[in-house]
């Protein structure tokens, strides 16, 4: 089981902020593919430049394996000034 969190406009687009996925996807790329297959608008938002992924509260780049109890957060690009 993995806990998935969406922040900012990503949660607005998907209509949820927190979700538990079971069975556990094997990797971040598999998780992202699953979410994208379920929601076309979310797929577009997740592929936008600047979207970051945190695995167990640490920003990761590239792919990583998921383990039971993993927490994955998708963070929208930051803006401001």
PDB file of N, CA and C in Angstrom:
ATOM      1  N   UNK A   1       0.843  -1.170   0.000  1.00  0.00           N
ATOM      2  CA  UNK A   1       0.000   0.000   0.000  1.00  0.00           C
ATOM      3  C   UNK A   1       0.892   1.239   0.000  1.00  0.00           C
ATOM      4  N   UNK A   2       0.526   2.225  -0.810  1.00  0.00           N
ATOM      5  CA  UNK A   2       1.244   3.490  -0.862  1.00  0.00           C
ATOM      6  C   UNK A   2       0.258   4.628  -0.624  1.00  0.00           C
ATOM      7  N   UNK A   3       0.704   5.639   0.068  1.00  0.00           N
ATOM      8  CA  UNK A   3      -0.106   6.832   0.312  1.00  0.00           C
ATOM      9  C   UNK A   3       0.334   7.882  -0.700  1.00  0.00           C
ATOM     10  N   UNK A   4      -0.632   8.436  -1.429  1.00  0.00           N
ATOM     11  CA  UNK A   4      -0.344   9.438  -2.453  1.00  0.00           C
ATOM     12  C   UNK A   4      -0.978  10.754  -2.029  1.00  0.00           C
ATOM     13  N   UNK A   5      -0.193  11.820  -2.095  1.00  0.00           N
ATOM     14  CA  UNK A   5      -0.662  13.159  -1.746  1.00  0.00           C
ATOM     15  C   UNK A   5      -0.515  14.071  -2.957  1.00  0.00           C
ATOM     16  N   UNK A   6      -1.519  14.889  -3.196  1.00  0.00           N
ATOM     17  CA  UNK A   6      -1.456  15.911  -4.235  1.00  0.00           C
ATOM     18  C   UNK A   6      -1.592  17.270  -3.564  1.00  0.00           C
ATOM     19  N   UNK A   7      -0.800  18.223  -4.001  1.00  0.00           N
ATOM     20  CA  UNK A   7      -0.836  19.558  -3.410  1.00  0.00           C
ATOM     21  C   UNK A   7      -1.219  20.603  -4.450  1.00  0.00           C
ATOM     22  N   UNK A   8      -1.736  21.728  -3.960  1.00  0.00           N
ATOM     23  CA  UNK A   8      -2.049  22.870  -4.810  1.00  0.00           C
ATOM     24  C   UNK A   8      -3.037  22.540  -5.913  1.00  0.00           C
ATOM     25  N   UNK A   9      -2.741  23.054  -7.106  1.00  0.00           N
ATOM     26  CA  UNK A   9      -3.662  22.875  -8.226  1.00  0.00           C
ATOM     27  C   UNK A   9      -3.798  21.421  -8.641  1.00  0.00           C
ATOM     28  N   UNK A  10      -2.809  20.591  -8.310  1.00  0.00           N
ATOM     29  CA  UNK A  10      -2.909  19.168  -8.653  1.00  0.00           C
ATOM     30  C   UNK A  10      -4.098  18.527  -7.936  1.00  0.00           C
ATOM     31  N   UNK A  11      -4.282  18.857  -6.666  1.00  0.00           N
ATOM     32  CA  UNK A  11      -5.431  18.304  -5.931  1.00  0.00           C
ATOM     33  C   UNK A  11      -6.741  18.907  -6.439  1.00  0.00           C
ATOM     34  N   UNK A  12      -6.705  20.177  -6.850  1.00  0.00           N
ATOM     35  CA  UNK A  12      -7.904  20.797  -7.422  1.00  0.00           C
ATOM     36  C   UNK A  12      -8.325  20.075  -8.699  1.00  0.00           C
ATOM     37  N   UNK A  13      -7.368  19.748  -9.537  1.00  0.00           N
ATOM     38  CA  UNK A  13      -7.651  19.076 -10.809  1.00  0.00           C
ATOM     39  C   UNK A  13      -8.178  17.667 -10.577  1.00  0.00           C
ATOM     40  N   UNK A  14      -7.541  16.932  -9.679  1.00  0.00           N
ATOM     41  CA  UNK A  14      -7.908  15.532  -9.447  1.00  0.00           C
ATOM     42  C   UNK A  14      -9.182  15.384  -8.619  1.00  0.00           C
ATOM     43  N   UNK A  15      -9.462  16.378  -7.784  1.00  0.00           N
ATOM     44  CA  UNK A  15     -10.628  16.286  -6.913  1.00  0.00           C
ATOM     45  C   UNK A  15     -10.369  15.503  -5.630  1.00  0.00           C
ATOM     46  N   UNK A  16      -9.111  15.246  -5.340  1.00  0.00           N
ATOM     47  CA  UNK A  16      -8.735  14.587  -4.084  1.00  0.00           C
ATOM     48  C   UNK A  16      -7.354  15.074  -3.665  1.00  0.00           C
ATOM     49  N   UNK A  17      -7.084  14.992  -2.371  1.00  0.00           N
ATOM     50  CA  UNK A  17      -5.802  15.441  -1.835  1.00  0.00           C
ATOM     51  C   UNK A  17      -4.956  14.266  -1.364  1.00  0.00           C
ATOM     52  N   UNK A  18      -5.609  13.247  -0.841  1.00  0.00           N
ATOM     53  CA  UNK A  18      -4.891  12.093  -0.296  1.00  0.00           C
ATOM     54  C   UNK A  18      -5.608  10.821  -0.712  1.00  0.00           C
ATOM     55  N   UNK A  19      -4.816   9.826  -1.062  1.00  0.00           N
ATOM     56  CA  UNK A  19      -5.385   8.561  -1.528  1.00  0.00           C
ATOM     57  C   UNK A  19      -4.430   7.426  -1.197  1.00  0.00           C
ATOM     58  N   UNK A  20      -4.978   6.273  -0.904  1.00  0.00           N
ATOM     59  CA  UNK A  20      -4.173   5.085  -0.662  1.00  0.00           C
ATOM     60  C   UNK A  20      -4.328   4.150  -1.851  1.00  0.00           C
ATOM     61  N   UNK A  21      -3.194   3.675  -2.379  1.00  0.00           N
ATOM     62  CA  UNK A  21      -3.224   2.762  -3.518  1.00  0.00           C
ATOM     63  C   UNK A  21      -2.823   1.368  -3.083  1.00  0.00           C
ATOM     64  N   UNK A  22      -3.661   0.424  -3.439  1.00  0.00           N
ATOM     65  CA  UNK A  22      -3.368  -0.970  -3.174  1.00  0.00           C
ATOM     66  C   UNK A  22      -3.912  -1.764  -4.347  1.00  0.00           C
ATOM     67  N   UNK A  23      -3.165  -2.609  -4.998  1.00  0.00           N
ATOM     68  CA  UNK A  23      -1.829  -3.050  -4.607  1.00  0.00           C
ATOM     69  C   UNK A  23      -0.783  -1.965  -4.859  1.00  0.00           C
ATOM     70  N   UNK A  24       0.335  -2.140  -4.244  1.00  0.00           N
ATOM     71  CA  UNK A  24       1.439  -1.195  -4.315  1.00  0.00           C
ATOM     72  C   UNK A  24       2.080  -1.211  -5.698  1.00  0.00           C
ATOM     73  N   UNK A  25       2.115  -0.064  -6.402  1.00  0.00           N
ATOM     74  CA  UNK A  25       2.879  -0.010  -7.648  1.00  0.00           C
ATOM     75  C   UNK A  25       4.361  -0.252  -7.346  1.00  0.00           C
ATOM     76  N   UNK A  26       5.090  -0.810  -8.294  1.00  0.00           N
ATOM     77  CA  UNK A  26       6.491  -1.177  -8.065  1.00  0.00           C
ATOM     78  C   UNK A  26       7.415   0.029  -7.984  1.00  0.00           C
ATOM     79  N   UNK A  27       7.066   1.115  -8.680  1.00  0.00           N
ATOM     80  CA  UNK A  27       7.988   2.249  -8.767  1.00  0.00           C
ATOM     81  C   UNK A  27       7.210   3.551  -8.913  1.00  0.00           C
ATOM     82  N   UNK A  28       7.944   4.664  -8.800  1.00  0.00           N
ATOM     83  CA  UNK A  28       7.324   5.970  -9.011  1.00  0.00           C
ATOM     84  C   UNK A  28       6.768   6.083 -10.417  1.00  0.00           C
ATOM     85  N   UNK A  29       7.513   5.578 -11.404  1.00  0.00           N
ATOM     86  CA  UNK A  29       7.032   5.676 -12.786  1.00  0.00           C
ATOM     87  C   UNK A  29       5.755   4.861 -12.978  1.00  0.00           C
ATOM     88  N   UNK A  30       5.652   3.699 -12.342  1.00  0.00           N
ATOM     89  CA  UNK A  30       4.433   2.891 -12.432  1.00  0.00           C
ATOM     90  C   UNK A  30       3.267   3.591 -11.739  1.00  0.00           C
ATOM     91  N   UNK A  31       3.543   4.234 -10.621  1.00  0.00           N
ATOM     92  CA  UNK A  31       2.508   4.981  -9.906  1.00  0.00           C
ATOM     93  C   UNK A  31       2.014   6.138 -10.758  1.00  0.00           C
ATOM     94  N   UNK A  32       2.936   6.898 -11.319  1.00  0.00           N
ATOM     95  CA  UNK A  32       2.562   8.035 -12.167  1.00  0.00           C
ATOM     96  C   UNK A  32       1.742   7.550 -13.365  1.00  0.00           C
ATOM     97  N   UNK A  33       2.171   6.456 -13.991  1.00  0.00           N
ATOM     98  CA  UNK A  33       1.444   5.908 -15.141  1.00  0.00           C
ATOM     99  C   UNK A  33       0.022   5.510 -14.751  1.00  0.00           C
ATOM    100  N   UNK A  34      -0.133   4.925 -13.580  1.00  0.00           N
ATOM    101  CA  UNK A  34      -1.460   4.524 -13.106  1.00  0.00           C
ATOM    102  C   UNK A  34      -2.351   5.742 -12.904  1.00  0.00           C
ATOM    103  N   UNK A  35      -1.826   6.778 -12.254  1.00  0.00           N
ATOM    104  CA  UNK A  35      -2.609   7.990 -12.024  1.00  0.00           C
ATOM    105  C   UNK A  35      -2.979   8.660 -13.345  1.00  0.00           C
ATOM    106  N   UNK A  36      -2.036   8.694 -14.275  1.00  0.00           N
ATOM    107  CA  UNK A  36      -2.278   9.325 -15.574  1.00  0.00           C
ATOM    108  C   UNK A  36      -3.320   8.562 -16.385  1.00  0.00           C
ATOM    109  N   UNK A  37      -3.315   7.243 -16.288  1.00  0.00           N
ATOM    110  CA  UNK A  37      -4.291   6.425 -17.018  1.00  0.00           C
ATOM    111  C   UNK A  37      -5.706   6.638 -16.483  1.00  0.00           C
ATOM    112  N   UNK A  38      -5.819   6.983 -15.223  1.00  0.00           N
ATOM    113  CA  UNK A  38      -7.127   7.164 -14.589  1.00  0.00           C
ATOM    114  C   UNK A  38      -7.738   8.536 -14.842  1.00  0.00           C
ATOM    115  N   UNK A  39      -6.905   9.549 -15.125  1.00  0.00           N
ATOM    116  CA  UNK A  39      -7.405  10.923 -15.198  1.00  0.00           C
ATOM    117  C   UNK A  39      -6.574  11.721 -16.202  1.00  0.00           C
ATOM    118  N   UNK A  40      -7.178  12.028 -17.344  1.00  0.00           N
ATOM    119  CA  UNK A  40      -6.467  12.731 -18.414  1.00  0.00           C
ATOM    120  C   UNK A  40      -6.014  14.132 -17.993  1.00  0.00           C
ATOM    121  N   UNK A  41      -6.859  14.849 -17.271  1.00  0.00           N
ATOM    122  CA  UNK A  41      -6.495  16.199 -16.826  1.00  0.00           C
ATOM    123  C   UNK A  41      -5.334  16.147 -15.837  1.00  0.00           C
ATOM    124  N   UNK A  42      -5.361  15.176 -14.944  1.00  0.00           N
ATOM    125  CA  UNK A  42      -4.261  15.024 -13.994  1.00  0.00           C
ATOM    126  C   UNK A  42      -2.991  14.616 -14.727  1.00  0.00           C
ATOM    127  N   UNK A  43      -3.113  13.777 -15.740  1.00  0.00           N
ATOM    128  CA  UNK A  43      -1.952  13.365 -16.536  1.00  0.00           C
ATOM    129  C   UNK A  43      -1.261  14.581 -17.136  1.00  0.00           C
ATOM    130  N   UNK A  44      -2.048  15.487 -17.687  1.00  0.00           N
ATOM    131  CA  UNK A  44      -1.485  16.702 -18.276  1.00  0.00           C
ATOM    132  C   UNK A  44      -0.809  17.557 -17.203  1.00  0.00           C
ATOM    133  N   UNK A  45      -1.447  17.695 -16.058  1.00  0.00           N
ATOM    134  CA  UNK A  45      -0.891  18.511 -14.976  1.00  0.00           C
ATOM    135  C   UNK A  45       0.395  17.912 -14.421  1.00  0.00           C
ATOM    136  N   UNK A  46       0.456  16.585 -14.285  1.00  0.00           N
ATOM    137  CA  UNK A  46       1.662  15.940 -13.748  1.00  0.00           C
ATOM    138  C   UNK A  46       2.842  16.026 -14.707  1.00  0.00           C
ATOM    139  N   UNK A  47       2.560  16.198 -16.001  1.00  0.00           N
ATOM    140  CA  UNK A  47       3.652  16.284 -16.971  1.00  0.00           C
ATOM    141  C   UNK A  47       4.121  17.723 -17.190  1.00  0.00           C
ATOM    142  N   UNK A  48       3.510  18.674 -16.504  1.00  0.00           N
ATOM    143  CA  UNK A  48       3.902  20.079 -16.637  1.00  0.00           C
ATOM    144  C   UNK A  48       5.303  20.300 -16.070  1.00  0.00           C
ATOM    145  N   UNK A  49       6.046  21.232 -16.674  1.00  0.00           N
ATOM    146  CA  UNK A  49       7.383  21.534 -16.155  1.00  0.00           C
ATOM    147  C   UNK A  49       7.311  22.014 -14.707  1.00  0.00           C
ATOM    148  N   UNK A  50       8.270  21.606 -13.925  1.00  0.00           N
ATOM    149  CA  UNK A  50       8.371  22.079 -12.553  1.00  0.00           C
ATOM    150  C   UNK A  50       7.664  21.228 -11.517  1.00  0.00           C
ATOM    151  N   UNK A  51       6.849  20.259 -11.937  1.00  0.00           N
ATOM    152  CA  UNK A  51       6.198  19.380 -10.959  1.00  0.00           C
ATOM    153  C   UNK A  51       7.273  18.508 -10.319  1.00  0.00           C
ATOM    154  N   UNK A  52       7.295  18.490  -8.998  1.00  0.00           N
ATOM    155  CA  UNK A  52       8.292  17.700  -8.273  1.00  0.00           C
ATOM    156  C   UNK A  52       7.608  16.557  -7.537  1.00  0.00           C
ATOM    157  N   UNK A  53       8.403  15.534  -7.250  1.00  0.00           N
ATOM    158  CA  UNK A  53       7.896  14.364  -6.537  1.00  0.00           C
ATOM    159  C   UNK A  53       8.733  14.167  -5.281  1.00  0.00           C
ATOM    160  N   UNK A  54       8.054  13.953  -4.163  1.00  0.00           N
ATOM    161  CA  UNK A  54       8.736  13.629  -2.909  1.00  0.00           C
ATOM    162  C   UNK A  54       8.369  12.200  -2.529  1.00  0.00           C
ATOM    163  N   UNK A  55       9.371  11.425  -2.196  1.00  0.00           N
ATOM    164  CA  UNK A  55       9.176  10.058  -1.725  1.00  0.00           C
ATOM    165  C   UNK A  55       9.602  10.025  -0.268  1.00  0.00           C
ATOM    166  N   UNK A  56       8.670   9.715   0.603  1.00  0.00           N
ATOM    167  CA  UNK A  56       8.928   9.701   2.041  1.00  0.00           C
ATOM    168  C   UNK A  56       9.579  11.005   2.500  1.00  0.00           C
ATOM    169  N   UNK A  57       9.006  12.113   2.027  1.00  0.00           N
ATOM    170  CA  UNK A  57       9.356  13.481   2.406  1.00  0.00           C
ATOM    171  C   UNK A  57      10.718  13.946   1.915  1.00  0.00           C
ATOM    172  N   UNK A  58      11.248  13.316   0.874  1.00  0.00           N
ATOM    173  CA  UNK A  58      12.500  13.760   0.253  1.00  0.00           C
ATOM    174  C   UNK A  58      12.270  13.889  -1.250  1.00  0.00           C
ATOM    175  N   UNK A  59      12.628  15.042  -1.808  1.00  0.00           N
ATOM    176  CA  UNK A  59      12.479  15.258  -3.248  1.00  0.00           C
ATOM    177  C   UNK A  59      13.363  14.263  -3.995  1.00  0.00           C
ATOM    178  N   UNK A  60      12.777  13.626  -5.008  1.00  0.00           N
ATOM    179  CA  UNK A  60      13.536  12.677  -5.829  1.00  0.00           C
ATOM    180  C   UNK A  60      13.435  13.091  -7.286  1.00  0.00           C
ATOM    181  N   UNK A  61      14.468  12.766  -8.022  1.00  0.00           N
ATOM    182  CA  UNK A  61      14.480  12.987  -9.462  1.00  0.00           C
ATOM    183  C   UNK A  61      14.654  11.624 -10.109  1.00  0.00           C
ATOM    184  N   UNK A  62      13.931  11.384 -11.158  1.00  0.00           N
ATOM    185  CA  UNK A  62      14.022  10.081 -11.798  1.00  0.00           C
ATOM    186  C   UNK A  62      13.097   9.081 -11.129  1.00  0.00           C
ATOM    187  N   UNK A  63      13.390   7.820 -11.346  1.00  0.00           N
ATOM    188  CA  UNK A  63      12.535   6.753 -10.843  1.00  0.00           C
ATOM    189  C   UNK A  63      13.095   6.205  -9.535  1.00  0.00           C
ATOM    190  N   UNK A  64      12.232   5.597  -8.754  1.00  0.00           N
ATOM    191  CA  UNK A  64      12.640   4.969  -7.496  1.00  0.00           C
ATOM    192  C   UNK A  64      11.647   3.869  -7.170  1.00  0.00           C
ATOM    193  N   UNK A  65      12.119   2.856  -6.480  1.00  0.00           N
ATOM    194  CA  UNK A  65      11.253   1.751  -6.062  1.00  0.00           C
ATOM    195  C   UNK A  65      10.382   2.189  -4.893  1.00  0.00           C
ATOM    196  N   UNK A  66       9.168   1.679  -4.850  1.00  0.00           N
ATOM    197  CA  UNK A  66       8.268   1.927  -3.733  1.00  0.00           C
ATOM    198  C   UNK A  66       8.256   0.707  -2.827  1.00  0.00           C
ATOM    199  N   UNK A  67       8.103   0.947  -1.547  1.00  0.00           N
ATOM    200  CA  UNK A  67       8.004  -0.140  -0.576  1.00  0.00           C
ATOM    201  C   UNK A  67       6.708   0.035   0.210  1.00  0.00           C
ATOM    202  N   UNK A  68       6.303  -0.999   0.903  1.00  0.00           N
ATOM    203  CA  UNK A  68       5.080  -0.927   1.701  1.00  0.00           C
ATOM    204  C   UNK A  68       5.163   0.263   2.649  1.00  0.00           C
ATOM    205  N   UNK A  69       4.123   1.071   2.647  1.00  0.00           N
ATOM    206  CA  UNK A  69       4.091   2.244   3.512  1.00  0.00           C
ATOM    207  C   UNK A  69       4.706   3.490   2.910  1.00  0.00           C
ATOM    208  N   UNK A  70       5.155   3.431   1.660  1.00  0.00           N
ATOM    209  CA  UNK A  70       5.728   4.616   1.015  1.00  0.00           C
ATOM    210  C   UNK A  70       4.703   5.741   0.958  1.00  0.00           C
ATOM    211  N   UNK A  71       5.208   6.964   1.107  1.00  0.00           N
ATOM    212  CA  UNK A  71       4.379   8.152   0.937  1.00  0.00           C
ATOM    213  C   UNK A  71       4.940   8.921  -0.248  1.00  0.00           C
ATOM    214  N   UNK A  72       4.088   9.171  -1.232  1.00  0.00           N
ATOM    215  CA  UNK A  72       4.503   9.877  -2.439  1.00  0.00           C
ATOM    216  C   UNK A  72       3.686  11.154  -2.542  1.00  0.00           C
ATOM    217  N   UNK A  73       4.369  12.280  -2.668  1.00  0.00           N
ATOM    218  CA  UNK A  73       3.692  13.566  -2.799  1.00  0.00           C
ATOM    219  C   UNK A  73       4.072  14.205  -4.126  1.00  0.00           C
ATOM    220  N   UNK A  74       3.070  14.686  -4.848  1.00  0.00           N
ATOM    221  CA  UNK A  74       3.291  15.417  -6.091  1.00  0.00           C
ATOM    222  C   UNK A  74       3.083  16.894  -5.786  1.00  0.00           C
ATOM    223  N   UNK A  75       4.089  17.697  -6.101  1.00  0.00           N
ATOM    224  CA  UNK A  75       4.098  19.116  -5.761  1.00  0.00           C
ATOM    225  C   UNK A  75       4.103  19.942  -7.040  1.00  0.00           C
ATOM    226  N   UNK A  76       3.171  20.872  -7.192  1.00  0.00           N
ATOM    227  CA  UNK A  76       3.144  21.692  -8.401  1.00  0.00           C
ATOM    228  C   UNK A  76       4.320  22.655  -8.427  1.00  0.00           C
ATOM    229  N   UNK A  77       4.582  23.174  -9.614  1.00  0.00           N
ATOM    230  CA  UNK A  77       5.638  24.172  -9.761  1.00  0.00           C
ATOM    231  C   UNK A  77       5.312  25.369  -8.873  1.00  0.00           C
ATOM    232  N   UNK A  78       6.327  25.903  -8.241  1.00  0.00           N
ATOM    233  CA  UNK A  78       6.140  27.068  -7.377  1.00  0.00           C
ATOM    234  C   UNK A  78       6.278  28.334  -8.211  1.00  0.00           C
ATOM    235  N   UNK A  79       5.521  29.340  -7.839  1.00  0.00           N
ATOM    236  CA  UNK A  79       5.651  30.636  -8.490  1.00  0.00           C
ATOM    237  C   UNK A  79       5.456  31.707  -7.433  1.00  0.00           C
ATOM    238  N   UNK A  80       5.789  32.874  -7.789  1.00  0.00           N
ATOM    239  CA  UNK A  80       5.630  33.973  -6.844  1.00  0.00           C
ATOM    240  C   UNK A  80       6.781  34.941  -6.986  1.00  0.00           C
ATOM    241  N   UNK A  81       6.817  35.864  -6.106  1.00  0.00           N
ATOM    242  CA  UNK A  81       7.908  36.809  -6.198  1.00  0.00           C
ATOM    243  C   UNK A  81       7.725  37.945  -5.262  1.00  0.00           C
TER     244      UNK A  81
END
